[in-house]
Amino acid sequence: MKKGFYNILKANFLVNNDAVKNWRFIVFCTVLAIVMIASSHSAERKVHQIAKLNNEVRELRSEFVERRSDLMKIKMESSITRQMASKGIAPSETPPNKIRVIIKE
């Protein structure tokens, strides 16, 4: 047991006659770890991008609601009457009449 532990500490398994198998496994594990780290970073980057886009969507939605409410206020008859009063145009006192066109054959 003691001899095996010292061999591991001295890295004898890397310089033995059959060390090629060990080196292949070490290189394979290293490449696998690099791929795993790169995948993790990529996933994290996408999560941050999704959060950023969600915030932007919320801001745009609130801006849309604000603009729509402003438009509704502008379209109200009282605000149109107020704006036209400065130009000397007032609403009609008599209601409009419906015009009917009768086609005779």
Protein backbone atom coordinates (compact mmCIF):
# COMPACT_ATOMS: atom_id res chain seq x y z
CA MET A 1 0.00 0.00 0.00
CA LYS A 2 2.78 2.39 0.98
CA LYS A 3 4.76 1.53 -2.15
CA GLY A 4 1.71 2.16 -4.43
CA PHE A 5 1.12 5.55 -2.82
CA TYR A 6 4.76 6.58 -3.35
CA ASN A 7 4.58 5.45 -6.99
CA ILE A 8 1.57 7.71 -7.54
CA LEU A 9 3.33 10.65 -5.87
CA LYS A 10 6.46 10.10 -7.94
CA ALA A 11 4.27 9.74 -11.09
CA ASN A 12 5.84 6.42 -12.04
CA PHE A 13 2.67 5.57 -13.96
CA LEU A 14 3.57 8.28 -16.50
CA VAL A 15 7.06 6.97 -17.26
CA ASN A 16 6.48 3.19 -17.24
CA ASN A 17 6.65 1.00 -20.33
CA ASP A 18 2.85 1.05 -20.68
CA ALA A 19 2.60 4.79 -20.00
CA VAL A 20 1.13 5.46 -23.47
CA LYS A 21 -2.27 4.16 -22.29
CA ASN A 22 -2.14 6.42 -19.26
CA TRP A 23 -1.18 9.47 -21.33
CA ARG A 24 -4.04 8.84 -23.77
CA PHE A 25 -6.51 8.67 -20.90
CA ILE A 26 -5.12 11.85 -19.31
CA VAL A 27 -5.32 13.73 -22.62
CA PHE A 28 -8.86 12.42 -23.16
CA CYS A 29 -9.93 13.59 -19.68
CA THR A 30 -8.32 17.00 -20.26
CA VAL A 31 -10.11 17.48 -23.59
CA LEU A 32 -13.37 16.36 -22.03
CA ALA A 33 -12.95 18.87 -19.19
CA ILE A 34 -12.22 21.70 -21.66
CA VAL A 35 -15.33 20.85 -23.68
CA MET A 36 -17.43 20.75 -20.51
CA ILE A 37 -16.14 24.15 -19.36
CA ALA A 38 -16.76 25.69 -22.79
CA SER A 39 -20.30 24.29 -22.85
CA SER A 40 -20.98 25.68 -19.39
CA HIS A 41 -19.76 29.14 -20.39
CA SER A 42 -21.89 29.06 -23.53
CA ALA A 43 -25.02 28.11 -21.58
CA GLU A 44 -24.37 30.82 -19.01
CA ARG A 45 -23.91 33.42 -21.76
CA LYS A 46 -27.27 32.41 -23.25
CA VAL A 47 -28.99 32.68 -19.87
CA HIS A 48 -27.67 36.23 -19.45
CA GLN A 49 -28.77 37.14 -22.97
CA ILE A 50 -32.28 35.77 -22.32
CA ALA A 51 -32.56 37.79 -19.10
CA LYS A 52 -31.44 40.93 -20.92
CA LEU A 53 -34.00 40.38 -23.69
CA ASN A 54 -36.77 39.77 -21.13
CA ASN A 55 -35.99 43.09 -19.47
CA GLU A 56 -36.05 44.82 -22.86
CA VAL A 57 -39.43 43.24 -23.66
CA ARG A 58 -40.86 44.48 -20.35
CA GLU A 59 -39.60 48.00 -21.03
CA LEU A 60 -41.02 48.03 -24.55
CA ARG A 61 -44.36 46.66 -23.35
CA SER A 62 -44.65 49.39 -20.70
CA GLU A 63 -43.72 52.02 -23.29
CA PHE A 64 -46.41 50.63 -25.61
CA VAL A 65 -49.05 50.84 -22.87
CA GLU A 66 -47.99 54.40 -22.07
CA ARG A 67 -48.19 55.49 -25.73
CA ARG A 68 -51.57 53.81 -26.16
CA SER A 69 -53.00 55.63 -23.13
CA ASP A 70 -51.61 58.94 -24.46
CA LEU A 71 -53.27 58.25 -27.80
CA MET A 72 -56.60 57.52 -26.12
CA LYS A 73 -56.38 60.85 -24.26
CA ILE A 74 -55.58 62.71 -27.49
CA LYS A 75 -58.48 61.05 -29.34
CA MET A 76 -61.07 62.04 -26.72
CA GLU A 77 -63.69 64.50 -27.97
CA SER A 78 -63.02 66.99 -25.16
CA SER A 79 -59.30 67.26 -26.00
CA ILE A 80 -60.04 67.65 -29.73
CA THR A 81 -62.63 70.36 -28.95
CA ARG A 82 -60.10 72.18 -26.76
CA GLN A 83 -57.42 72.10 -29.47
CA MET A 84 -59.79 73.23 -32.22
CA ALA A 85 -61.16 76.10 -30.08
CA SER A 86 -57.83 77.88 -30.40
CA LYS A 87 -58.22 77.75 -34.20
CA GLY A 88 -61.81 79.04 -34.06
CA ILE A 89 -63.50 75.73 -34.86
CA ALA A 90 -66.31 74.61 -32.57
CA PRO A 91 -68.46 71.46 -32.58
CA SER A 92 -71.75 71.64 -34.43
CA GLU A 93 -74.91 72.34 -32.43
CA THR A 94 -77.13 70.39 -34.83
CA PRO A 95 -76.61 66.69 -35.27
CA PRO A 96 -75.65 65.42 -38.71
CA ASN A 97 -78.33 64.21 -41.14
CA LYS A 98 -78.16 60.92 -42.93
CA ILE A 99 -78.18 61.26 -46.71
CA ARG A 100 -79.93 58.50 -48.63
CA VAL A 101 -79.36 57.97 -52.31
CA ILE A 102 -82.16 56.21 -54.12
CA ILE A 103 -81.33 54.76 -57.52
CA LYS A 104 -84.30 54.57 -59.92
CA GLU A 105 -84.14 52.18 -62.79
